[in-house]
């Protein structure tokens, strides 16, 4: 399952569970690997920045615009 990040998901400290696609709001290091998901309890949370770098997620057009403004 490919997960697509939306503009509202992009915020420093957020993570994404690669198992259930739940956004972890705050408290995630950008390079986090194998963090624990508060939704499904699996250790599949990755920092958003790392998930984007590793192409573990897709980025919507609107999210891409937000990322461009942050860089």
Protein backbone atom coordinates (compact mmCIF):
# COMPACT_ATOMS: atom_id res chain seq x y z
CA UNK A 1 0.00 0.00 0.00
CA UNK A 2 1.48 3.33 -1.05
CA UNK A 3 0.73 6.16 1.38
CA UNK A 4 0.20 9.68 0.07
CA UNK A 5 1.02 12.65 2.29
CA UNK A 6 -1.33 15.62 2.08
CA UNK A 7 -0.50 19.28 2.77
CA UNK A 8 -2.04 19.18 6.25
CA UNK A 9 0.28 16.29 7.22
CA UNK A 10 3.45 18.32 6.67
CA UNK A 11 4.69 19.70 9.97
CA UNK A 12 8.01 19.38 11.77
CA UNK A 13 7.95 16.55 14.28
CA UNK A 14 5.28 14.50 12.56
CA UNK A 15 5.71 10.87 11.64
CA UNK A 16 3.79 8.31 9.60
CA UNK A 17 3.02 4.69 10.36
CA UNK A 18 3.94 2.64 7.33
CA UNK A 19 1.60 -0.12 8.48
CA UNK A 20 -1.71 1.70 9.11
CA UNK A 21 -0.93 5.12 7.51
CA UNK A 22 -1.77 6.99 10.75
CA UNK A 23 -0.04 10.35 11.19
CA UNK A 24 1.79 10.69 14.50
CA UNK A 25 1.34 14.37 15.42
CA UNK A 26 4.54 15.76 16.92
CA UNK A 27 7.28 14.16 18.94
CA UNK A 28 8.98 12.35 16.05
CA UNK A 29 12.56 13.02 15.07
CA UNK A 30 12.89 13.69 11.31
CA UNK A 31 15.11 10.60 10.87
CA UNK A 32 13.02 8.28 13.07
CA UNK A 33 12.85 4.61 12.09
CA UNK A 34 10.75 1.95 13.80
CA UNK A 35 8.86 4.21 16.19
CA UNK A 36 5.79 2.80 17.93
CA UNK A 37 2.41 3.69 16.42
CA UNK A 38 -0.21 4.97 18.84
CA UNK A 39 -2.95 3.57 16.58
CA UNK A 40 -1.90 0.03 15.64
CA UNK A 41 0.85 -0.44 18.28
CA UNK A 42 3.37 -1.68 15.69
CA UNK A 43 6.91 -0.31 15.45
CA UNK A 44 6.44 1.02 11.92
CA UNK A 45 6.53 4.81 12.45
CA UNK A 46 9.00 6.77 10.37
CA UNK A 47 9.70 10.50 10.58
CA UNK A 48 8.02 12.32 7.67
CA UNK A 49 11.30 13.69 6.37
CA UNK A 50 12.90 10.23 6.36
CA UNK A 51 9.82 8.67 4.77
CA UNK A 52 10.01 11.22 1.95
CA UNK A 53 13.76 10.73 1.46
CA UNK A 54 13.40 6.95 1.34
CA UNK A 55 10.38 7.26 -0.97
CA UNK A 56 8.32 5.20 1.47
CA UNK A 57 5.45 7.63 0.84
CA UNK A 58 4.14 9.65 -2.06
CA UNK A 59 3.66 13.40 -1.78
CA UNK A 60 0.52 15.06 -3.15
CA UNK A 61 0.87 18.16 -5.33
CA UNK A 62 -0.36 20.40 -2.50
CA UNK A 63 2.04 18.79 0.00
CA UNK A 64 4.86 19.30 -2.49
CA UNK A 65 4.07 23.03 -2.58
CA UNK A 66 4.21 23.19 1.22
CA UNK A 67 7.57 21.40 1.21
CA UNK A 68 8.91 23.82 -1.42
CA UNK A 69 7.97 26.78 0.80
CA UNK A 70 9.69 25.21 3.81
CA UNK A 71 12.96 24.64 1.99
